[in-house]
């Protein structure tokens, strides 16, 4: 039985990360650190970006439940990527953190009360989106980057 309107999104997220995990673990540390193309991110940096996304969205998902309108700073991806030096981290550590954080987000999603899903959230522009949109879009974004990394 579903707990809320986004319970199916949480299940989808859990299935997506569980399916990607063995593929990510099968990659070597060296291969994961190689840029996918000149001037592009490596798989380590892509997974680092997805950890950033999990971090930022975790805050959004929780904070939107404590207010009638969430205004959240934009995500400066190049700054976050450069500041964290993901290519210097062991691949297994990045993959483990990514999977665990997303499993936690799937859990969080199942407990968002339906009445909070309509909370307007302003992040990248003045035009708000709902918390429900953020939850749903999160999985779309994650899948996009897993496809870039060659595991979706």
Foldseek 3Di string as FASTA:
>chain_A
DALEPCLVLLVVLLVVLVQLLVVLVPDALVQQLDAPDVPHGGVLLLLQLLLVLLVQLVCVLVVLLVDLAAEEEEDPSVVSSVVPPSNPDGSVVSSVSSNVSSNVVSVSSRPRHHVSQQRWYHYPDPHTDGNVCSSNVSSVVNVVSCVVNVRD
